[in-house]
Amino acid sequence: MQKENTPDGQVRAKSKSSLYDEHIFLPDLKLSLRLPPEPVGIAEMANLFGVTHRTLHFYEEKGLLSSRRSGLMRIYSHRDVNVMALVNTCREVGIPVAVIQEFMEKLADADSQGEATALFEDLLNNRKRELTADLSTMRRQMQQISNLLAPDDDEDTVQTGPLPEDTIILTDIERKCLELMAEGYASVRLARAVGLRTEELQKIELGIIQKFSANNRFQAVAKAVLLGIIPA
């Protein structure tokens, strides 16, 4: 629980919603989102990030996002859009919600924009180390499987490098999307980069995930790197 000083010198707990007040510093993501006029309706917010209303509700329940009401409709400010951009970026690279919650609480204590950016860079570097470890594990497991499937082969003939990619056939647009996904492009930015609508991109991403027998886009990228289909 965060703390703050009151005018009379007393210390009190800082409420969860105040973690996302205007005075809290946010990392500079340099996003190319074109912000709609305020207030931003929930449908607009969902379309901006290619998520569902249910996802936005979930983030609110977890204290990662705030909204207000206009009649029966949830509405958001530009500040809320910036917070959602941060949350969405974290989720795009596979950072768990619980870790994002801890990160947001650390941001509430940041005294400058530079400190907020440094905290974000630490978060990303930690995630990068996790993915590197996952890749190492996948390579070792693939090698073990190869050894089990061909136990009589000479050790010199056991394949240790990237596996052949001829079992996975990608279209030009799928390969381009996969390369940009590996560079960390979020869905909205990726759709703009390749000139597709969000719905079209979602179908392509799903096709890529299925071709690699992956559970999500991050696993698909990891397997593509492992197979040598895209550079590490």
C-alpha atoms as a PDB file:
ATOM      1  CA  MET A   1       0.000   0.000   0.000  1.00  0.00           C
ATOM      2  CA  GLN A   2       1.414   3.435  -0.956  1.00  0.00           C
ATOM      3  CA  LYS A   3       1.630   6.299   1.565  1.00  0.00           C
ATOM      4  CA  GLU A   4       1.172  10.041   1.246  1.00  0.00           C
ATOM      5  CA  ASN A   5       1.399  13.012   3.619  1.00  0.00           C
ATOM      6  CA  THR A   6      -1.675  15.094   4.446  1.00  0.00           C
ATOM      7  CA  PRO A   7      -1.527  18.900   4.930  1.00  0.00           C
ATOM      8  CA  ASP A   8      -1.560  18.437   8.729  1.00  0.00           C
ATOM      9  CA  GLY A   9       1.502  16.180   8.588  1.00  0.00           C
ATOM     10  CA  GLN A  10      -0.384  12.929   9.071  1.00  0.00           C
ATOM     11  CA  VAL A  11       0.447   9.895   6.940  1.00  0.00           C
ATOM     12  CA  ARG A  12      -2.389   8.042   5.284  1.00  0.00           C
ATOM     13  CA  ALA A  13      -2.732   5.220   2.761  1.00  0.00           C
ATOM     14  CA  LYS A  14      -2.893   6.290  -0.842  1.00  0.00           C
ATOM     15  CA  SER A  15      -5.969   4.883  -2.572  1.00  0.00           C
ATOM     16  CA  LYS A  16      -5.536   2.619  -5.575  1.00  0.00           C
ATOM     17  CA  SER A  17      -7.213   5.076  -7.935  1.00  0.00           C
ATOM     18  CA  SER A  18      -4.793   7.868  -6.997  1.00  0.00           C
ATOM     19  CA  LEU A  19      -1.929   5.843  -8.463  1.00  0.00           C
ATOM     20  CA  TYR A  20      -3.095   7.058 -11.874  1.00  0.00           C
ATOM     21  CA  ASP A  21      -3.620  10.760 -11.106  1.00  0.00           C
ATOM     22  CA  GLU A  22      -2.181  13.413 -13.407  1.00  0.00           C
ATOM     23  CA  HIS A  23       0.860  14.015 -11.193  1.00  0.00           C
ATOM     24  CA  ILE A  24       2.106  10.445 -11.560  1.00  0.00           C
ATOM     25  CA  PHE A  25       4.897  10.181 -14.138  1.00  0.00           C
ATOM     26  CA  LEU A  26       4.472   7.719 -17.013  1.00  0.00           C
ATOM     27  CA  PRO A  27       7.206   6.365 -19.299  1.00  0.00           C
ATOM     28  CA  ASP A  28       7.404   8.015 -22.691  1.00  0.00           C
ATOM     29  CA  LEU A  29       6.283   5.283 -25.090  1.00  0.00           C
ATOM     30  CA  LYS A  30       6.422   7.512 -28.178  1.00  0.00           C
ATOM     31  CA  LEU A  31       3.237   5.935 -29.474  1.00  0.00           C
ATOM     32  CA  SER A  32       1.735   7.019 -32.782  1.00  0.00           C
ATOM     33  CA  LEU A  33      -1.859   6.796 -31.569  1.00  0.00           C
ATOM     34  CA  ARG A  34      -4.160   9.526 -32.819  1.00  0.00           C
ATOM     35  CA  LEU A  35      -6.171  10.441 -29.755  1.00  0.00           C
ATOM     36  CA  PRO A  36      -9.911  10.967 -30.292  1.00  0.00           C
ATOM     37  CA  PRO A  37     -11.577  13.950 -28.597  1.00  0.00           C
ATOM     38  CA  GLU A  38     -12.317  13.662 -24.887  1.00  0.00           C
ATOM     39  CA  PRO A  39     -14.191  11.995 -23.400  1.00  0.00           C
ATOM     40  CA  VAL A  40     -13.166   8.741 -25.064  1.00  0.00           C
ATOM     41  CA  GLY A  41     -15.970   6.183 -25.121  1.00  0.00           C
ATOM     42  CA  ILE A  42     -15.341   2.568 -24.221  1.00  0.00           C
ATOM     43  CA  ALA A  43     -15.882   1.467 -27.836  1.00  0.00           C
ATOM     44  CA  GLU A  44     -13.252   3.954 -29.033  1.00  0.00           C
ATOM     45  CA  MET A  45     -10.855   2.827 -26.315  1.00  0.00           C
ATOM     46  CA  ALA A  46     -11.315  -0.815 -27.279  1.00  0.00           C
ATOM     47  CA  ASN A  47     -10.761  -0.051 -30.972  1.00  0.00           C
ATOM     48  CA  LEU A  48      -7.618   1.973 -30.257  1.00  0.00           C
ATOM     49  CA  PHE A  49      -5.900  -1.047 -28.752  1.00  0.00           C
ATOM     50  CA  GLY A  50      -7.656  -3.909 -30.496  1.00  0.00           C
ATOM     51  CA  VAL A  51      -9.112  -5.301 -27.264  1.00  0.00           C
ATOM     52  CA  THR A  52     -12.607  -6.152 -26.062  1.00  0.00           C
ATOM     53  CA  HIS A  53     -14.800  -4.344 -23.562  1.00  0.00           C
ATOM     54  CA  ARG A  54     -14.318  -7.315 -21.264  1.00  0.00           C
ATOM     55  CA  THR A  55     -10.543  -6.733 -21.311  1.00  0.00           C
ATOM     56  CA  LEU A  56     -10.993  -3.098 -20.299  1.00  0.00           C
ATOM     57  CA  HIS A  57     -13.334  -4.123 -17.487  1.00  0.00           C
ATOM     58  CA  PHE A  58     -10.762  -6.681 -16.334  1.00  0.00           C
ATOM     59  CA  TYR A  59      -7.997  -4.060 -16.199  1.00  0.00           C
ATOM     60  CA  GLU A  60     -10.265  -1.799 -14.167  1.00  0.00           C
ATOM     61  CA  GLU A  61     -11.011  -4.610 -11.732  1.00  0.00           C
ATOM     62  CA  LYS A  62      -7.253  -5.134 -11.312  1.00  0.00           C
ATOM     63  CA  GLY A  63      -6.668  -1.439 -10.659  1.00  0.00           C
ATOM     64  CA  LEU A  64      -4.678  -0.944 -13.868  1.00  0.00           C
ATOM     65  CA  LEU A  65      -7.151   1.421 -15.491  1.00  0.00           C
ATOM     66  CA  SER A  66      -9.793   3.886 -14.382  1.00  0.00           C
ATOM     67  CA  SER A  67     -12.943   5.219 -16.033  1.00  0.00           C
ATOM     68  CA  ARG A  68     -15.883   7.454 -15.314  1.00  0.00           C
ATOM     69  CA  ARG A  69     -19.535   7.221 -16.217  1.00  0.00           C
ATOM     70  CA  SER A  70     -21.581   9.251 -18.627  1.00  0.00           C
ATOM     71  CA  GLY A  71     -25.038   7.851 -18.117  1.00  0.00           C
ATOM     72  CA  LEU A  72     -24.628   4.120 -18.570  1.00  0.00           C
ATOM     73  CA  MET A  73     -21.432   4.353 -20.657  1.00  0.00           C
ATOM     74  CA  ARG A  74     -17.883   4.163 -19.394  1.00  0.00           C
ATOM     75  CA  ILE A  75     -15.718   7.030 -20.611  1.00  0.00           C
ATOM     76  CA  TYR A  76     -11.993   7.737 -20.436  1.00  0.00           C
ATOM     77  CA  SER A  77      -9.672  10.737 -20.509  1.00  0.00           C
ATOM     78  CA  HIS A  78      -6.524  11.103 -22.604  1.00  0.00           C
ATOM     79  CA  ARG A  79      -4.602  10.294 -19.433  1.00  0.00           C
ATOM     80  CA  ASP A  80      -6.480   6.987 -19.211  1.00  0.00           C
ATOM     81  CA  VAL A  81      -5.567   6.268 -22.838  1.00  0.00           C
ATOM     82  CA  ASN A  82      -1.886   6.806 -22.011  1.00  0.00           C
ATOM     83  CA  VAL A  83      -2.165   4.454 -19.032  1.00  0.00           C
ATOM     84  CA  MET A  84      -3.887   1.860 -21.205  1.00  0.00           C
ATOM     85  CA  ALA A  85      -1.110   2.223 -23.801  1.00  0.00           C
ATOM     86  CA  LEU A  86       1.404   1.367 -21.101  1.00  0.00           C
ATOM     87  CA  VAL A  87      -0.606  -1.600 -19.825  1.00  0.00           C
ATOM     88  CA  ASN A  88      -1.229  -2.888 -23.343  1.00  0.00           C
ATOM     89  CA  THR A  89       2.455  -2.615 -24.242  1.00  0.00           C
ATOM     90  CA  CYS A  90       3.367  -4.656 -21.174  1.00  0.00           C
ATOM     91  CA  ARG A  91       0.798  -7.315 -22.015  1.00  0.00           C
ATOM     92  CA  GLU A  92       1.949  -7.441 -25.650  1.00  0.00           C
ATOM     93  CA  VAL A  93       5.400  -8.579 -24.522  1.00  0.00           C
ATOM     94  CA  GLY A  94       3.933 -11.143 -22.139  1.00  0.00           C
ATOM     95  CA  ILE A  95       4.349  -9.406 -18.788  1.00  0.00           C
ATOM     96  CA  PRO A  96       1.852 -10.859 -16.260  1.00  0.00           C
ATOM     97  CA  VAL A  97      -0.869  -8.661 -14.796  1.00  0.00           C
ATOM     98  CA  ALA A  98       0.482  -9.107 -11.258  1.00  0.00           C
ATOM     99  CA  VAL A  99       3.899  -7.826 -12.354  1.00  0.00           C
ATOM    100  CA  ILE A 100       2.273  -4.840 -14.080  1.00  0.00           C
ATOM    101  CA  GLN A 101       0.414  -4.047 -10.865  1.00  0.00           C
ATOM    102  CA  GLU A 102       3.691  -4.005  -8.931  1.00  0.00           C
ATOM    103  CA  PHE A 103       5.282  -1.859 -11.632  1.00  0.00           C
ATOM    104  CA  MET A 104       2.423   0.663 -11.508  1.00  0.00           C
ATOM    105  CA  GLU A 105       2.850   1.005  -7.770  1.00  0.00           C
ATOM    106  CA  LYS A 106       6.546   1.725  -8.264  1.00  0.00           C
ATOM    107  CA  LEU A 107       5.626   4.407 -10.812  1.00  0.00           C
ATOM    108  CA  ALA A 108       3.518   6.108  -8.143  1.00  0.00           C
ATOM    109  CA  ASP A 109       6.734   6.764  -6.216  1.00  0.00           C
ATOM    110  CA  ALA A 110       8.755   8.015  -9.204  1.00  0.00           C
ATOM    111  CA  ASP A 111       9.967  11.580  -8.683  1.00  0.00           C
ATOM    112  CA  SER A 112      10.685  12.379 -12.328  1.00  0.00           C
ATOM    113  CA  GLN A 113      10.012  11.374 -15.913  1.00  0.00           C
ATOM    114  CA  GLY A 114      13.531   9.964 -16.101  1.00  0.00           C
ATOM    115  CA  GLU A 115      12.961   7.718 -13.094  1.00  0.00           C
ATOM    116  CA  ALA A 116       9.671   6.462 -14.564  1.00  0.00           C
ATOM    117  CA  THR A 117      11.397   5.653 -17.850  1.00  0.00           C
ATOM    118  CA  ALA A 118      14.223   3.869 -15.994  1.00  0.00           C
ATOM    119  CA  LEU A 119      11.692   1.726 -14.122  1.00  0.00           C
ATOM    120  CA  PHE A 120      10.051   0.792 -17.429  1.00  0.00           C
ATOM    121  CA  GLU A 121      13.399  -0.099 -18.995  1.00  0.00           C
ATOM    122  CA  ASP A 122      14.193  -2.335 -16.016  1.00  0.00           C
ATOM    123  CA  LEU A 123      10.832  -4.056 -16.471  1.00  0.00           C
ATOM    124  CA  LEU A 124      11.503  -4.683 -20.166  1.00  0.00           C
ATOM    125  CA  ASN A 125      15.043  -5.908 -19.548  1.00  0.00           C
ATOM    126  CA  ASN A 126      13.750  -8.392 -16.983  1.00  0.00           C
ATOM    127  CA  ARG A 127      11.206  -9.671 -19.489  1.00  0.00           C
ATOM    128  CA  LYS A 128      13.894  -9.924 -22.172  1.00  0.00           C
ATOM    129  CA  ARG A 129      16.024 -12.074 -19.861  1.00  0.00           C
ATOM    130  CA  GLU A 130      13.007 -14.317 -19.218  1.00  0.00           C
ATOM    131  CA  LEU A 131      12.414 -14.765 -22.954  1.00  0.00           C
ATOM    132  CA  THR A 132      16.084 -15.505 -23.541  1.00  0.00           C
ATOM    133  CA  ALA A 133      15.927 -18.197 -20.866  1.00  0.00           C
ATOM    134  CA  ASP A 134      12.775 -19.609 -22.467  1.00  0.00           C
ATOM    135  CA  LEU A 135      14.517 -19.792 -25.852  1.00  0.00           C
ATOM    136  CA  SER A 136      17.443 -21.631 -24.299  1.00  0.00           C
ATOM    137  CA  THR A 137      15.055 -24.100 -22.692  1.00  0.00           C
ATOM    138  CA  MET A 138      13.203 -24.631 -25.973  1.00  0.00           C
ATOM    139  CA  ARG A 139      16.460 -25.313 -27.841  1.00  0.00           C
ATOM    140  CA  ARG A 140      17.544 -27.838 -25.211  1.00  0.00           C
ATOM    141  CA  GLN A 141      14.168 -29.587 -25.278  1.00  0.00           C
ATOM    142  CA  MET A 142      14.147 -29.705 -29.086  1.00  0.00           C
ATOM    143  CA  GLN A 143      17.588 -31.257 -29.007  1.00  0.00           C
ATOM    144  CA  GLN A 144      16.423 -33.840 -26.471  1.00  0.00           C
ATOM    145  CA  ILE A 145      13.448 -34.696 -28.656  1.00  0.00           C
ATOM    146  CA  SER A 146      15.729 -35.060 -31.693  1.00  0.00           C
ATOM    147  CA  ASN A 147      17.988 -37.406 -29.742  1.00  0.00           C
ATOM    148  CA  LEU A 148      15.008 -39.487 -28.616  1.00  0.00           C
ATOM    149  CA  LEU A 149      13.625 -39.723 -32.154  1.00  0.00           C
ATOM    150  CA  ALA A 150      16.987 -40.716 -33.634  1.00  0.00           C
ATOM    151  CA  PRO A 151      18.893 -42.510 -30.853  1.00  0.00           C
ATOM    152  CA  ASP A 152      21.097 -44.497 -33.273  1.00  0.00           C
ATOM    153  CA  ASP A 153      22.430 -41.471 -35.175  1.00  0.00           C
ATOM    154  CA  ASP A 154      26.046 -40.533 -34.711  1.00  0.00           C
ATOM    155  CA  GLU A 155      26.550 -37.552 -32.459  1.00  0.00           C
ATOM    156  CA  ASP A 156      28.251 -35.697 -35.300  1.00  0.00           C
ATOM    157  CA  THR A 157      25.079 -35.875 -37.366  1.00  0.00           C
ATOM    158  CA  VAL A 158      22.713 -34.641 -34.656  1.00  0.00           C
ATOM    159  CA  GLN A 159      21.307 -31.283 -35.663  1.00  0.00           C
ATOM    160  CA  THR A 160      22.227 -28.528 -33.186  1.00  0.00           C
ATOM    161  CA  GLY A 161      21.435 -25.447 -35.222  1.00  0.00           C
ATOM    162  CA  PRO A 162      18.096 -24.036 -36.388  1.00  0.00           C
ATOM    163  CA  LEU A 163      15.670 -26.610 -37.684  1.00  0.00           C
ATOM    164  CA  PRO A 164      14.622 -26.497 -41.363  1.00  0.00           C
ATOM    165  CA  GLU A 165      11.700 -24.214 -42.021  1.00  0.00           C
ATOM    166  CA  ASP A 166      10.199 -26.133 -44.942  1.00  0.00           C
ATOM    167  CA  THR A 167       7.503 -27.595 -42.686  1.00  0.00           C
ATOM    168  CA  ILE A 168       6.095 -24.101 -42.039  1.00  0.00           C
ATOM    169  CA  ILE A 169       5.006 -22.091 -45.042  1.00  0.00           C
ATOM    170  CA  LEU A 170       4.370 -18.393 -44.491  1.00  0.00           C
ATOM    171  CA  THR A 171       2.886 -15.877 -46.879  1.00  0.00           C
ATOM    172  CA  ASP A 172       4.796 -12.650 -47.498  1.00  0.00           C
ATOM    173  CA  ILE A 173       2.449 -10.673 -45.245  1.00  0.00           C
ATOM    174  CA  GLU A 174       2.686 -13.303 -42.493  1.00  0.00           C
ATOM    175  CA  ARG A 175       6.474 -13.193 -42.603  1.00  0.00           C
ATOM    176  CA  LYS A 176       6.458  -9.390 -42.503  1.00  0.00           C
ATOM    177  CA  CYS A 177       4.066  -9.379 -39.547  1.00  0.00           C
ATOM    178  CA  LEU A 178       6.160 -11.996 -37.760  1.00  0.00           C
ATOM    179  CA  GLU A 179       9.327  -9.931 -38.199  1.00  0.00           C
ATOM    180  CA  LEU A 180       7.636  -6.812 -36.825  1.00  0.00           C
ATOM    181  CA  MET A 181       6.162  -8.804 -33.938  1.00  0.00           C
ATOM    182  CA  ALA A 182       9.697  -9.909 -33.111  1.00  0.00           C
ATOM    183  CA  GLU A 183      10.737  -6.251 -33.036  1.00  0.00           C
ATOM    184  CA  GLY A 184       8.081  -5.594 -30.401  1.00  0.00           C
ATOM    185  CA  TYR A 185       5.371  -3.964 -32.510  1.00  0.00           C
ATOM    186  CA  ALA A 186       2.055  -3.867 -30.644  1.00  0.00           C
ATOM    187  CA  SER A 187      -1.035  -4.890 -32.619  1.00  0.00           C
ATOM    188  CA  VAL A 188      -2.255  -1.366 -33.382  1.00  0.00           C
ATOM    189  CA  ARG A 189       1.171  -0.174 -34.515  1.00  0.00           C
ATOM    190  CA  LEU A 190       1.691  -3.364 -36.502  1.00  0.00           C
ATOM    191  CA  ALA A 191      -1.634  -2.970 -38.320  1.00  0.00           C
ATOM    192  CA  ARG A 192      -0.664   0.542 -39.374  1.00  0.00           C
ATOM    193  CA  ALA A 193       2.817  -0.525 -40.435  1.00  0.00           C
ATOM    194  CA  VAL A 194       1.493  -3.150 -42.859  1.00  0.00           C
ATOM    195  CA  GLY A 195      -1.611  -1.186 -43.897  1.00  0.00           C
ATOM    196  CA  LEU A 196      -4.240  -3.535 -42.501  1.00  0.00           C
ATOM    197  CA  ARG A 197      -7.389  -3.074 -40.461  1.00  0.00           C
ATOM    198  CA  THR A 198      -7.271  -4.398 -36.915  1.00  0.00           C
ATOM    199  CA  GLU A 199      -9.674  -7.218 -37.781  1.00  0.00           C
ATOM    200  CA  GLU A 200      -7.535  -8.289 -40.769  1.00  0.00           C
ATOM    201  CA  LEU A 201      -4.378  -8.272 -38.653  1.00  0.00           C
ATOM    202  CA  GLN A 202      -6.034 -10.355 -35.933  1.00  0.00           C
ATOM    203  CA  LYS A 203      -6.833 -13.058 -38.501  1.00  0.00           C
ATOM    204  CA  ILE A 204      -3.245 -13.048 -39.767  1.00  0.00           C
ATOM    205  CA  GLU A 205      -1.841 -13.239 -36.227  1.00  0.00           C
ATOM    206  CA  LEU A 206      -4.157 -16.134 -35.449  1.00  0.00           C
ATOM    207  CA  GLY A 207      -2.987 -17.903 -38.606  1.00  0.00           C
ATOM    208  CA  ILE A 208       0.667 -17.419 -37.605  1.00  0.00           C
ATOM    209  CA  ILE A 209      -0.003 -18.729 -34.096  1.00  0.00           C
ATOM    210  CA  GLN A 210      -1.750 -21.804 -35.501  1.00  0.00           C
ATOM    211  CA  LYS A 211       1.039 -22.540 -37.991  1.00  0.00           C
ATOM    212  CA  PHE A 212       3.585 -22.598 -35.183  1.00  0.00           C
ATOM    213  CA  SER A 213       1.283 -24.587 -32.868  1.00  0.00           C
ATOM    214  CA  ALA A 214       1.753 -21.792 -30.335  1.00  0.00           C
ATOM    215  CA  ASN A 215      -0.511 -20.457 -27.602  1.00  0.00           C
ATOM    216  CA  ASN A 216       0.124 -16.777 -28.365  1.00  0.00           C
ATOM    217  CA  ARG A 217       2.106 -14.403 -30.567  1.00  0.00           C
ATOM    218  CA  PHE A 218       5.121 -14.455 -28.225  1.00  0.00           C
ATOM    219  CA  GLN A 219       5.475 -18.220 -28.436  1.00  0.00           C
ATOM    220  CA  ALA A 220       5.111 -18.015 -32.222  1.00  0.00           C
ATOM    221  CA  VAL A 221       7.957 -15.486 -32.410  1.00  0.00           C
ATOM    222  CA  ALA A 222      10.120 -17.601 -30.106  1.00  0.00           C
ATOM    223  CA  LYS A 223       9.576 -20.698 -32.247  1.00  0.00           C
ATOM    224  CA  ALA A 224      10.253 -18.734 -35.443  1.00  0.00           C
ATOM    225  CA  VAL A 225      13.592 -17.593 -34.010  1.00  0.00           C
ATOM    226  CA  LEU A 226      14.374 -21.131 -32.867  1.00  0.00           C
ATOM    227  CA  LEU A 227      13.648 -22.511 -36.340  1.00  0.00           C
ATOM    228  CA  GLY A 228      15.749 -19.835 -38.001  1.00  0.00           C
ATOM    229  CA  ILE A 229      12.767 -18.414 -39.894  1.00  0.00           C
ATOM    230  CA  ILE A 230      13.458 -14.916 -38.549  1.00  0.00           C
ATOM    231  CA  PRO A 231      16.709 -13.578 -37.073  1.00  0.00           C
ATOM    232  CA  ALA A 232      17.197 -13.542 -33.294  1.00  0.00           C
END
